[in-house]
Amino acid sequence: MVRCRSKLPLGGKRLELLKEAVPKVSRVAVLYDPGTSGNVREVNELLPVATRALRLTLQPWEVRAADGFERVFAALSKERPDGLYVAGSGPLLVTNQKRTIGFALKSRLPSVFSGRQFVEAGGLMYYGANEADSYRRVAYFVDQILKGAKPADLPVEQPMKFEFVINLKTANQIGLTIPQWTLMKADRVIK
């Protein structure tokens, strides 16, 4: 498990790993649902990081409803970005994950996701909080509350353990060779 040592925000670290895996990436489409809390902040946080630190051009694409995916995918097919970043993993994006992954595969777009379930379903890469560790911390807080602690008195915690997952099957499917040093950083490689 990787500890987050990067000075970049989480979304910036995802983009950094995408750029490391695919050095030629310069234009990245960012797919997000503005109706899910945190997605707009994540996208706004990504823009300055990508342009300054990573020298990437990001183009945000909002999807507000299930029928908006085809419109966005048609526009992206014309724009031909070098990569795809799927911000957040709210209900709209999760229920349409097969469509998004299918588009990325068909378009041969290297992609990075904010949810591990996307990579397990065929997406290329995920970087984020280690879910097992996060659930253990939730259990700890539930235990404290059941023992009489007041929720307001418990500290707010941020994840400390992060994981990097690469789907090598997907990389092969889109004709991408992931550099060995990037594969060595991965906590899990799906073959």
N, C-alpha and C. Protein backbone atom coordinates (compact mmCIF):
# COMPACT_ATOMS: atom_id res chain seq x y z
N MET A 1 0.83 -1.18 0.00
CA MET A 1 0.00 0.00 0.00
C MET A 1 0.88 1.25 0.00
N VAL A 2 0.47 2.20 -0.79
CA VAL A 2 1.25 3.41 -0.98
C VAL A 2 0.74 4.49 -0.03
N ARG A 3 1.65 5.19 0.60
CA ARG A 3 1.26 6.37 1.37
C ARG A 3 1.37 7.56 0.45
N CYS A 4 0.42 8.48 0.53
CA CYS A 4 0.42 9.63 -0.35
C CYS A 4 1.49 10.62 0.10
N ARG A 5 2.57 10.71 -0.68
CA ARG A 5 3.65 11.64 -0.33
C ARG A 5 3.69 12.81 -1.29
N SER A 6 2.87 12.77 -2.28
CA SER A 6 2.87 13.79 -3.30
C SER A 6 2.38 15.12 -2.75
N LYS A 7 2.94 16.20 -3.25
CA LYS A 7 2.46 17.53 -2.89
C LYS A 7 1.24 17.90 -3.71
N LEU A 8 0.93 17.07 -4.71
CA LEU A 8 -0.23 17.31 -5.54
C LEU A 8 -1.50 16.86 -4.82
N PRO A 9 -2.63 17.51 -5.09
CA PRO A 9 -3.89 16.98 -4.56
C PRO A 9 -4.16 15.62 -5.20
N LEU A 10 -5.09 14.88 -4.65
CA LEU A 10 -5.36 13.52 -5.09
C LEU A 10 -5.60 13.43 -6.60
N GLY A 11 -6.43 14.31 -7.12
CA GLY A 11 -6.68 14.31 -8.56
C GLY A 11 -5.42 14.59 -9.36
N GLY A 12 -4.57 15.45 -8.84
CA GLY A 12 -3.31 15.75 -9.50
C GLY A 12 -2.40 14.54 -9.52
N LYS A 13 -2.41 13.76 -8.44
CA LYS A 13 -1.61 12.54 -8.39
C LYS A 13 -2.11 11.54 -9.42
N ARG A 14 -3.42 11.45 -9.59
CA ARG A 14 -3.98 10.55 -10.61
C ARG A 14 -3.48 10.95 -12.00
N LEU A 15 -3.53 12.25 -12.26
CA LEU A 15 -3.06 12.74 -13.56
C LEU A 15 -1.57 12.52 -13.73
N GLU A 16 -0.82 12.68 -12.66
CA GLU A 16 0.62 12.45 -12.70
C GLU A 16 0.92 10.99 -13.07
N LEU A 17 0.18 10.06 -12.49
CA LEU A 17 0.37 8.64 -12.80
C LEU A 17 -0.06 8.32 -14.23
N LEU A 18 -1.11 8.97 -14.71
CA LEU A 18 -1.53 8.79 -16.10
C LEU A 18 -0.44 9.28 -17.04
N LYS A 19 0.12 10.44 -16.74
CA LYS A 19 1.19 11.01 -17.56
C LYS A 19 2.44 10.13 -17.51
N GLU A 20 2.72 9.55 -16.38
CA GLU A 20 3.87 8.65 -16.25
C GLU A 20 3.66 7.37 -17.06
N ALA A 21 2.44 6.85 -17.02
CA ALA A 21 2.13 5.62 -17.75
C ALA A 21 2.08 5.86 -19.26
N VAL A 22 1.64 7.07 -19.64
CA VAL A 22 1.50 7.42 -21.05
C VAL A 22 2.13 8.80 -21.26
N PRO A 23 3.45 8.86 -21.40
CA PRO A 23 4.15 10.15 -21.47
C PRO A 23 3.67 11.09 -22.57
N LYS A 24 3.12 10.54 -23.66
CA LYS A 24 2.68 11.41 -24.76
C LYS A 24 1.36 12.14 -24.47
N VAL A 25 0.71 11.82 -23.37
CA VAL A 25 -0.57 12.47 -23.04
C VAL A 25 -0.37 13.97 -22.83
N SER A 26 -1.17 14.75 -23.53
CA SER A 26 -1.11 16.20 -23.32
C SER A 26 -2.50 16.82 -23.17
N ARG A 27 -3.51 16.21 -23.80
CA ARG A 27 -4.89 16.70 -23.70
C ARG A 27 -5.76 15.62 -23.06
N VAL A 28 -6.35 15.96 -21.93
CA VAL A 28 -7.15 14.98 -21.18
C VAL A 28 -8.57 15.49 -21.02
N ALA A 29 -9.52 14.66 -21.41
CA ALA A 29 -10.94 14.96 -21.18
C ALA A 29 -11.27 14.55 -19.76
N VAL A 30 -12.00 15.41 -19.05
CA VAL A 30 -12.40 15.13 -17.67
C VAL A 30 -13.92 14.98 -17.64
N LEU A 31 -14.37 13.78 -17.38
CA LEU A 31 -15.79 13.48 -17.32
C LEU A 31 -16.26 13.54 -15.87
N TYR A 32 -17.31 14.32 -15.62
CA TYR A 32 -17.80 14.43 -14.24
C TYR A 32 -19.27 14.80 -14.20
N ASP A 33 -19.88 14.49 -13.05
CA ASP A 33 -21.28 14.82 -12.78
C ASP A 33 -21.29 16.01 -11.83
N PRO A 34 -21.68 17.21 -12.30
CA PRO A 34 -21.66 18.38 -11.42
C PRO A 34 -22.71 18.31 -10.31
N GLY A 35 -23.63 17.35 -10.39
CA GLY A 35 -24.65 17.21 -9.36
C GLY A 35 -24.19 16.41 -8.15
N THR A 36 -23.03 15.79 -8.24
CA THR A 36 -22.50 15.01 -7.12
C THR A 36 -21.52 15.86 -6.34
N SER A 37 -21.73 15.95 -5.04
CA SER A 37 -20.89 16.82 -4.23
C SER A 37 -19.43 16.43 -4.33
N GLY A 38 -18.59 17.38 -4.45
CA GLY A 38 -17.16 17.16 -4.53
C GLY A 38 -16.60 17.10 -5.94
N ASN A 39 -17.44 16.72 -6.91
CA ASN A 39 -16.94 16.61 -8.28
C ASN A 39 -16.51 17.95 -8.86
N VAL A 40 -17.28 18.98 -8.64
CA VAL A 40 -16.94 20.31 -9.17
C VAL A 40 -15.65 20.79 -8.51
N ARG A 41 -15.53 20.58 -7.20
CA ARG A 41 -14.31 20.98 -6.50
C ARG A 41 -13.10 20.21 -7.05
N GLU A 42 -13.29 18.92 -7.28
CA GLU A 42 -12.20 18.11 -7.82
C GLU A 42 -11.76 18.63 -9.18
N VAL A 43 -12.70 18.92 -10.05
CA VAL A 43 -12.37 19.43 -11.37
C VAL A 43 -11.69 20.79 -11.27
N ASN A 44 -12.21 21.67 -10.43
CA ASN A 44 -11.60 23.00 -10.26
C ASN A 44 -10.19 22.90 -9.66
N GLU A 45 -9.97 21.88 -8.85
CA GLU A 45 -8.66 21.65 -8.24
C GLU A 45 -7.68 21.10 -9.29
N LEU A 46 -8.20 20.30 -10.22
CA LEU A 46 -7.36 19.69 -11.25
C LEU A 46 -6.81 20.69 -12.25
N LEU A 47 -7.64 21.64 -12.65
CA LEU A 47 -7.25 22.55 -13.74
C LEU A 47 -5.94 23.26 -13.49
N PRO A 48 -5.76 23.95 -12.36
CA PRO A 48 -4.48 24.63 -12.16
C PRO A 48 -3.30 23.66 -12.01
N VAL A 49 -3.53 22.52 -11.38
CA VAL A 49 -2.46 21.54 -11.19
C VAL A 49 -2.00 21.01 -12.55
N ALA A 50 -2.97 20.66 -13.37
CA ALA A 50 -2.64 20.05 -14.66
C ALA A 50 -1.90 21.01 -15.57
N THR A 51 -2.33 22.25 -15.60
CA THR A 51 -1.71 23.20 -16.51
C THR A 51 -0.32 23.62 -16.04
N ARG A 52 -0.16 23.81 -14.74
CA ARG A 52 1.14 24.25 -14.22
C ARG A 52 2.12 23.09 -14.05
N ALA A 53 1.82 22.20 -13.15
CA ALA A 53 2.78 21.17 -12.75
C ALA A 53 2.97 20.08 -13.81
N LEU A 54 1.91 19.70 -14.48
CA LEU A 54 2.00 18.55 -15.38
C LEU A 54 1.99 18.94 -16.86
N ARG A 55 1.77 20.20 -17.13
CA ARG A 55 1.72 20.70 -18.51
C ARG A 55 0.72 19.92 -19.35
N LEU A 56 -0.46 19.77 -18.79
CA LEU A 56 -1.56 19.11 -19.48
C LEU A 56 -2.65 20.12 -19.77
N THR A 57 -3.39 19.87 -20.81
CA THR A 57 -4.58 20.66 -21.09
C THR A 57 -5.78 19.77 -20.75
N LEU A 58 -6.62 20.26 -19.87
CA LEU A 58 -7.82 19.51 -19.48
C LEU A 58 -9.05 20.15 -20.09
N GLN A 59 -9.95 19.31 -20.52
CA GLN A 59 -11.23 19.81 -21.02
C GLN A 59 -12.33 19.11 -20.23
N PRO A 60 -12.99 19.87 -19.33
CA PRO A 60 -14.07 19.28 -18.52
C PRO A 60 -15.32 19.02 -19.36
N TRP A 61 -15.95 17.88 -19.12
CA TRP A 61 -17.19 17.49 -19.79
C TRP A 61 -18.20 17.09 -18.72
N GLU A 62 -19.26 17.87 -18.61
CA GLU A 62 -20.32 17.59 -17.63
C GLU A 62 -21.29 16.57 -18.18
N VAL A 63 -21.69 15.65 -17.32
CA VAL A 63 -22.76 14.71 -17.63
C VAL A 63 -23.74 14.80 -16.46
N ARG A 64 -24.95 15.27 -16.75
CA ARG A 64 -25.94 15.50 -15.70
C ARG A 64 -27.00 14.39 -15.61
N ALA A 65 -27.10 13.59 -16.68
CA ALA A 65 -28.11 12.53 -16.70
C ALA A 65 -27.62 11.41 -17.62
N ALA A 66 -28.23 10.24 -17.50
CA ALA A 66 -27.80 9.07 -18.27
C ALA A 66 -27.83 9.33 -19.77
N ASP A 67 -28.81 10.12 -20.23
CA ASP A 67 -28.89 10.37 -21.68
C ASP A 67 -27.82 11.36 -22.18
N GLY A 68 -27.04 11.93 -21.28
CA GLY A 68 -25.98 12.86 -21.68
C GLY A 68 -24.68 12.18 -22.09
N PHE A 69 -24.51 10.91 -21.76
CA PHE A 69 -23.26 10.21 -22.07
C PHE A 69 -23.01 10.12 -23.57
N GLU A 70 -24.03 9.74 -24.32
CA GLU A 70 -23.83 9.58 -25.77
C GLU A 70 -23.46 10.89 -26.44
N ARG A 71 -24.06 11.99 -26.00
CA ARG A 71 -23.73 13.31 -26.54
C ARG A 71 -22.26 13.64 -26.25
N VAL A 72 -21.83 13.42 -25.02
CA VAL A 72 -20.45 13.70 -24.63
C VAL A 72 -19.49 12.77 -25.38
N PHE A 73 -19.83 11.49 -25.50
CA PHE A 73 -18.95 10.55 -26.21
C PHE A 73 -18.83 10.93 -27.69
N ALA A 74 -19.92 11.38 -28.29
CA ALA A 74 -19.86 11.81 -29.70
C ALA A 74 -18.93 13.01 -29.85
N ALA A 75 -19.05 13.97 -28.93
CA ALA A 75 -18.18 15.16 -28.98
C ALA A 75 -16.72 14.78 -28.74
N LEU A 76 -16.48 13.88 -27.81
CA LEU A 76 -15.11 13.44 -27.52
C LEU A 76 -14.50 12.69 -28.71
N SER A 77 -15.33 11.96 -29.44
CA SER A 77 -14.83 11.26 -30.63
C SER A 77 -14.32 12.25 -31.66
N LYS A 78 -14.94 13.40 -31.74
CA LYS A 78 -14.48 14.45 -32.67
C LYS A 78 -13.25 15.18 -32.13
N GLU A 79 -13.22 15.42 -30.82
CA GLU A 79 -12.12 16.15 -30.18
C GLU A 79 -10.83 15.35 -30.12
N ARG A 80 -10.93 14.04 -29.98
CA ARG A 80 -9.80 13.13 -29.90
C ARG A 80 -8.78 13.49 -28.82
N PRO A 81 -9.19 13.50 -27.53
CA PRO A 81 -8.20 13.75 -26.47
C PRO A 81 -7.23 12.58 -26.37
N ASP A 82 -6.11 12.79 -25.65
CA ASP A 82 -5.10 11.74 -25.48
C ASP A 82 -5.41 10.84 -24.29
N GLY A 83 -6.27 11.30 -23.38
CA GLY A 83 -6.58 10.52 -22.19
C GLY A 83 -7.93 10.91 -21.64
N LEU A 84 -8.41 10.11 -20.69
CA LEU A 84 -9.71 10.34 -20.06
C LEU A 84 -9.54 10.22 -18.55
N TYR A 85 -10.04 11.24 -17.85
CA TYR A 85 -10.05 11.24 -16.38
C TYR A 85 -11.52 11.25 -15.97
N VAL A 86 -11.94 10.25 -15.21
CA VAL A 86 -13.32 10.21 -14.73
C VAL A 86 -13.29 10.64 -13.27
N ALA A 87 -13.80 11.84 -13.01
CA ALA A 87 -13.77 12.45 -11.68
C ALA A 87 -14.96 11.98 -10.86
N GLY A 88 -14.68 11.60 -9.64
CA GLY A 88 -15.75 11.19 -8.74
C GLY A 88 -16.31 9.83 -9.11
N SER A 89 -17.08 9.30 -8.23
CA SER A 89 -17.71 8.00 -8.51
C SER A 89 -19.12 8.01 -7.93
N GLY A 90 -19.84 9.08 -8.21
CA GLY A 90 -21.22 9.20 -7.73
C GLY A 90 -22.15 8.25 -8.46
N PRO A 91 -23.40 8.25 -8.07
CA PRO A 91 -24.38 7.29 -8.61
C PRO A 91 -24.49 7.30 -10.14
N LEU A 92 -24.49 8.47 -10.75
CA LEU A 92 -24.63 8.54 -12.21
C LEU A 92 -23.44 7.89 -12.91
N LEU A 93 -22.25 8.19 -12.45
CA LEU A 93 -21.06 7.62 -13.09
C LEU A 93 -20.93 6.13 -12.81
N VAL A 94 -21.27 5.70 -11.60
CA VAL A 94 -21.16 4.28 -11.26
C VAL A 94 -22.17 3.46 -12.06
N THR A 95 -23.40 3.90 -12.15
CA THR A 95 -24.41 3.12 -12.89
C THR A 95 -24.13 3.10 -14.39
N ASN A 96 -23.34 4.04 -14.86
CA ASN A 96 -23.00 4.08 -16.29
C ASN A 96 -21.53 3.75 -16.53
N GLN A 97 -20.91 3.06 -15.58
CA GLN A 97 -19.48 2.77 -15.70
C GLN A 97 -19.17 1.90 -16.92
N LYS A 98 -20.03 0.94 -17.24
CA LYS A 98 -19.77 0.08 -18.41
C LYS A 98 -19.78 0.89 -19.69
N ARG A 99 -20.66 1.88 -19.78
CA ARG A 99 -20.69 2.74 -20.97
C ARG A 99 -19.40 3.54 -21.08
N THR A 100 -18.97 4.09 -19.96
CA THR A 100 -17.76 4.91 -19.95
C THR A 100 -16.53 4.07 -20.28
N ILE A 101 -16.42 2.92 -19.66
CA ILE A 101 -15.29 2.03 -19.92
C ILE A 101 -15.34 1.55 -21.37
N GLY A 102 -16.52 1.21 -21.85
CA GLY A 102 -16.67 0.78 -23.24
C GLY A 102 -16.23 1.85 -24.21
N PHE A 103 -16.59 3.10 -23.93
CA PHE A 103 -16.15 4.20 -24.79
C PHE A 103 -14.64 4.34 -24.77
N ALA A 104 -14.04 4.28 -23.58
CA ALA A 104 -12.58 4.41 -23.47
C ALA A 104 -11.88 3.28 -24.22
N LEU A 105 -12.39 2.07 -24.12
CA LEU A 105 -11.79 0.94 -24.83
C LEU A 105 -11.94 1.09 -26.34
N LYS A 106 -13.14 1.42 -26.78
CA LYS A 106 -13.40 1.56 -28.21
C LYS A 106 -12.55 2.69 -28.81
N SER A 107 -12.37 3.76 -28.04
CA SER A 107 -11.59 4.91 -28.51
C SER A 107 -10.10 4.75 -28.24
N ARG A 108 -9.73 3.66 -27.57
CA ARG A 108 -8.33 3.39 -27.21
C ARG A 108 -7.74 4.54 -26.39
N LEU A 109 -8.56 5.02 -25.45
CA LEU A 109 -8.17 6.13 -24.59
C LEU A 109 -7.60 5.62 -23.27
N PRO A 110 -6.37 5.96 -22.95
CA PRO A 110 -5.87 5.65 -21.60
C PRO A 110 -6.73 6.41 -20.59
N SER A 111 -7.12 5.73 -19.53
CA SER A 111 -8.06 6.36 -18.60
C SER A 111 -7.64 6.14 -17.15
N VAL A 112 -7.99 7.12 -16.33
CA VAL A 112 -7.75 7.02 -14.89
C VAL A 112 -9.06 7.37 -14.20
N PHE A 113 -9.33 6.64 -13.11
CA PHE A 113 -10.62 6.75 -12.45
C PHE A 113 -10.48 7.07 -10.97
N SER A 114 -11.54 7.65 -10.42
CA SER A 114 -11.59 8.00 -9.00
C SER A 114 -12.16 6.87 -8.15
N GLY A 115 -12.57 5.78 -8.78
CA GLY A 115 -13.14 4.66 -8.05
C GLY A 115 -12.52 3.35 -8.50
N ARG A 116 -12.13 2.53 -7.56
CA ARG A 116 -11.48 1.25 -7.87
C ARG A 116 -12.39 0.34 -8.68
N GLN A 117 -13.70 0.40 -8.43
CA GLN A 117 -14.63 -0.48 -9.12
C GLN A 117 -14.59 -0.30 -10.64
N PHE A 118 -14.19 0.89 -11.11
CA PHE A 118 -14.09 1.14 -12.55
C PHE A 118 -12.98 0.28 -13.16
N VAL A 119 -11.86 0.18 -12.47
CA VAL A 119 -10.72 -0.59 -12.98
C VAL A 119 -11.02 -2.09 -12.91
N GLU A 120 -11.70 -2.49 -11.87
CA GLU A 120 -12.09 -3.90 -11.76
C GLU A 120 -13.08 -4.28 -12.86
N ALA A 121 -13.82 -3.28 -13.38
CA ALA A 121 -14.78 -3.52 -14.46
C ALA A 121 -14.16 -3.34 -15.85
N GLY A 122 -12.85 -3.01 -15.91
CA GLY A 122 -12.20 -2.90 -17.22
C GLY A 122 -11.54 -1.57 -17.52
N GLY A 123 -11.63 -0.60 -16.59
CA GLY A 123 -10.92 0.67 -16.79
C GLY A 123 -9.42 0.45 -16.63
N LEU A 124 -8.62 1.43 -17.01
CA LEU A 124 -7.16 1.25 -17.02
C LEU A 124 -6.50 1.42 -15.66
N MET A 125 -6.73 2.56 -14.98
CA MET A 125 -5.99 2.84 -13.75
C MET A 125 -6.87 3.47 -12.68
N TYR A 126 -6.51 3.20 -11.44
CA TYR A 126 -7.15 3.83 -10.28
C TYR A 126 -6.06 4.20 -9.28
N TYR A 127 -6.20 5.37 -8.71
CA TYR A 127 -5.36 5.75 -7.57
C TYR A 127 -6.27 6.45 -6.57
N GLY A 128 -6.25 5.98 -5.34
CA GLY A 128 -7.07 6.60 -4.31
C GLY A 128 -6.93 5.89 -2.99
N ALA A 129 -7.79 6.28 -2.08
CA ALA A 129 -7.75 5.71 -0.72
C ALA A 129 -7.94 4.20 -0.77
N ASN A 130 -7.20 3.51 0.07
CA ASN A 130 -7.34 2.08 0.21
C ASN A 130 -8.65 1.82 0.93
N GLU A 131 -9.58 1.18 0.23
CA GLU A 131 -10.92 1.00 0.77
C GLU A 131 -10.95 0.12 2.02
N ALA A 132 -10.16 -0.93 2.04
CA ALA A 132 -10.14 -1.83 3.21
C ALA A 132 -9.69 -1.07 4.45
N ASP A 133 -8.66 -0.24 4.31
CA ASP A 133 -8.18 0.55 5.45
C ASP A 133 -9.24 1.56 5.89
N SER A 134 -9.91 2.17 4.93
CA SER A 134 -10.96 3.14 5.26
C SER A 134 -12.10 2.48 6.03
N TYR A 135 -12.49 1.29 5.60
CA TYR A 135 -13.56 0.58 6.31
C TYR A 135 -13.14 0.19 7.72
N ARG A 136 -11.88 -0.17 7.88
CA ARG A 136 -11.40 -0.49 9.25
C ARG A 136 -11.52 0.74 10.14
N ARG A 137 -11.20 1.90 9.60
CA ARG A 137 -11.30 3.14 10.38
C ARG A 137 -12.76 3.44 10.72
N VAL A 138 -13.66 3.18 9.80
CA VAL A 138 -15.09 3.37 10.09
C VAL A 138 -15.50 2.46 11.23
N ALA A 139 -15.06 1.23 11.20
CA ALA A 139 -15.39 0.28 12.27
C ALA A 139 -14.88 0.79 13.62
N TYR A 140 -13.70 1.38 13.61
CA TYR A 140 -13.13 1.93 14.85
C TYR A 140 -14.06 3.03 15.40
N PHE A 141 -14.52 3.93 14.53
CA PHE A 141 -15.39 5.02 14.99
C PHE A 141 -16.74 4.51 15.46
N VAL A 142 -17.29 3.52 14.77
CA VAL A 142 -18.56 2.92 15.21
C VAL A 142 -18.37 2.31 16.60
N ASP A 143 -17.25 1.63 16.79
CA ASP A 143 -16.94 1.04 18.09
C ASP A 143 -16.87 2.12 19.18
N GLN A 144 -16.22 3.22 18.89
CA GLN A 144 -16.10 4.31 19.87
C GLN A 144 -17.47 4.89 20.22
N ILE A 145 -18.32 5.06 19.23
CA ILE A 145 -19.66 5.60 19.46
C ILE A 145 -20.49 4.62 20.29
N LEU A 146 -20.39 3.33 19.96
CA LEU A 146 -21.13 2.32 20.72
C LEU A 146 -20.66 2.23 22.17
N LYS A 147 -19.43 2.63 22.42
CA LYS A 147 -18.89 2.64 23.78
C LYS A 147 -19.20 3.95 24.50
N GLY A 148 -19.96 4.84 23.85
CA GLY A 148 -20.41 6.05 24.51
C GLY A 148 -19.77 7.35 24.05
N ALA A 149 -18.82 7.31 23.15
CA ALA A 149 -18.20 8.56 22.68
C ALA A 149 -19.22 9.37 21.89
N LYS A 150 -19.12 10.67 22.03
CA LYS A 150 -19.99 11.57 21.26
C LYS A 150 -19.36 11.76 19.88
N PRO A 151 -20.16 11.59 18.83
CA PRO A 151 -19.61 11.75 17.48
C PRO A 151 -18.90 13.10 17.28
N ALA A 152 -19.43 14.15 17.87
CA ALA A 152 -18.82 15.47 17.71
C ALA A 152 -17.45 15.56 18.35
N ASP A 153 -17.16 14.68 19.30
CA ASP A 153 -15.86 14.69 19.98
C ASP A 153 -14.80 13.86 19.25
N LEU A 154 -15.22 13.08 18.27
CA LEU A 154 -14.26 12.24 17.55
C LEU A 154 -13.54 13.06 16.48
N PRO A 155 -12.26 12.79 16.26
CA PRO A 155 -11.51 13.56 15.27
C PRO A 155 -11.92 13.21 13.84
N VAL A 156 -11.79 14.17 12.96
CA VAL A 156 -12.01 13.95 11.54
C VAL A 156 -10.69 13.43 10.97
N GLU A 157 -10.76 12.36 10.23
CA GLU A 157 -9.55 11.77 9.66
C GLU A 157 -9.60 11.80 8.15
N GLN A 158 -8.42 11.93 7.56
CA GLN A 158 -8.28 11.78 6.12
C GLN A 158 -7.58 10.45 5.88
N PRO A 159 -7.79 9.85 4.72
CA PRO A 159 -7.11 8.58 4.45
C PRO A 159 -5.60 8.75 4.51
N MET A 160 -4.95 7.73 5.01
CA MET A 160 -3.48 7.75 5.07
C MET A 160 -2.87 6.69 4.15
N LYS A 161 -3.65 5.68 3.81
CA LYS A 161 -3.14 4.63 2.92
C LYS A 161 -3.86 4.74 1.58
N PHE A 162 -3.06 4.73 0.55
CA PHE A 162 -3.57 4.85 -0.80
C PHE A 162 -3.12 3.64 -1.61
N GLU A 163 -3.85 3.38 -2.68
CA GLU A 163 -3.47 2.27 -3.53
C GLU A 163 -3.53 2.67 -5.00
N PHE A 164 -2.68 2.03 -5.77
CA PHE A 164 -2.58 2.26 -7.20
C PHE A 164 -2.84 0.92 -7.88
N VAL A 165 -3.87 0.88 -8.73
CA VAL A 165 -4.27 -0.35 -9.41
C VAL A 165 -4.21 -0.11 -10.92
N ILE A 166 -3.59 -1.04 -11.62
CA ILE A 166 -3.50 -0.97 -13.08
C ILE A 166 -4.12 -2.24 -13.66
N ASN A 167 -4.93 -2.06 -14.69
CA ASN A 167 -5.52 -3.19 -15.38
C ASN A 167 -4.69 -3.42 -16.64
N LEU A 168 -3.78 -4.38 -16.57
CA LEU A 168 -2.87 -4.69 -17.67
C LEU A 168 -3.61 -5.29 -18.86
N LYS A 169 -4.70 -6.00 -18.56
CA LYS A 169 -5.54 -6.55 -19.64
C LYS A 169 -6.07 -5.42 -20.52
N THR A 170 -6.52 -4.35 -19.85
CA THR A 170 -7.04 -3.19 -20.58
C THR A 170 -5.93 -2.50 -21.35
N ALA A 171 -4.77 -2.36 -20.73
CA ALA A 171 -3.63 -1.73 -21.42
C ALA A 171 -3.32 -2.48 -22.71
N ASN A 172 -3.28 -3.80 -22.65
CA ASN A 172 -3.03 -4.61 -23.84
C ASN A 172 -4.13 -4.43 -24.88
N GLN A 173 -5.36 -4.34 -24.41
CA GLN A 173 -6.51 -4.20 -25.30
C GLN A 173 -6.46 -2.90 -26.09
N ILE A 174 -5.95 -1.82 -25.48
CA ILE A 174 -5.89 -0.54 -26.19
C ILE A 174 -4.52 -0.30 -26.82
N GLY A 175 -3.66 -1.31 -26.77
CA GLY A 175 -2.36 -1.21 -27.42
C GLY A 175 -1.36 -0.35 -26.66
N LEU A 176 -1.46 -0.33 -25.35
CA LEU A 176 -0.60 0.50 -24.51
C LEU A 176 0.39 -0.36 -23.74
N THR A 177 1.64 0.04 -23.77
CA THR A 177 2.66 -0.63 -22.97
C THR A 177 2.96 0.27 -21.77
N ILE A 178 2.63 -0.19 -20.59
CA ILE A 178 2.88 0.57 -19.35
C ILE A 178 4.36 0.41 -19.00
N PRO A 179 5.08 1.51 -18.77
CA PRO A 179 6.49 1.40 -18.39
C PRO A 179 6.67 0.55 -17.13
N GLN A 180 7.77 -0.18 -17.11
CA GLN A 180 8.05 -1.09 -15.99
C GLN A 180 8.07 -0.37 -14.64
N TRP A 181 8.66 0.85 -14.60
CA TRP A 181 8.74 1.58 -13.33
C TRP A 181 7.36 1.99 -12.83
N THR A 182 6.42 2.18 -13.73
CA THR A 182 5.05 2.49 -13.32
C THR A 182 4.38 1.22 -12.78
N LEU A 183 4.59 0.10 -13.47
CA LEU A 183 4.02 -1.17 -12.99
C LEU A 183 4.55 -1.53 -11.61
N MET A 184 5.82 -1.20 -11.35
CA MET A 184 6.42 -1.52 -10.05
C MET A 184 5.80 -0.70 -8.92
N LYS A 185 5.24 0.44 -9.23
CA LYS A 185 4.58 1.28 -8.21
C LYS A 185 3.20 0.75 -7.83
N ALA A 186 2.61 -0.04 -8.72
CA ALA A 186 1.25 -0.50 -8.52
C ALA A 186 1.15 -1.45 -7.34
N ASP A 187 0.10 -1.29 -6.55
CA ASP A 187 -0.19 -2.21 -5.46
C ASP A 187 -0.85 -3.47 -5.99
N ARG A 188 -1.54 -3.31 -7.10
CA ARG A 188 -2.23 -4.45 -7.71
C ARG A 188 -2.21 -4.27 -9.21
N VAL A 189 -1.88 -5.34 -9.92
CA VAL A 189 -1.92 -5.35 -11.38
C VAL A 189 -2.89 -6.44 -11.79
N ILE A 190 -3.94 -6.05 -12.50
CA ILE A 190 -4.93 -7.00 -12.99
C ILE A 190 -4.44 -7.52 -14.33
N LYS A 191 -4.26 -8.85 -14.41
CA LYS A 191 -3.71 -9.45 -15.65
C LYS A 191 -4.77 -10.20 -16.43
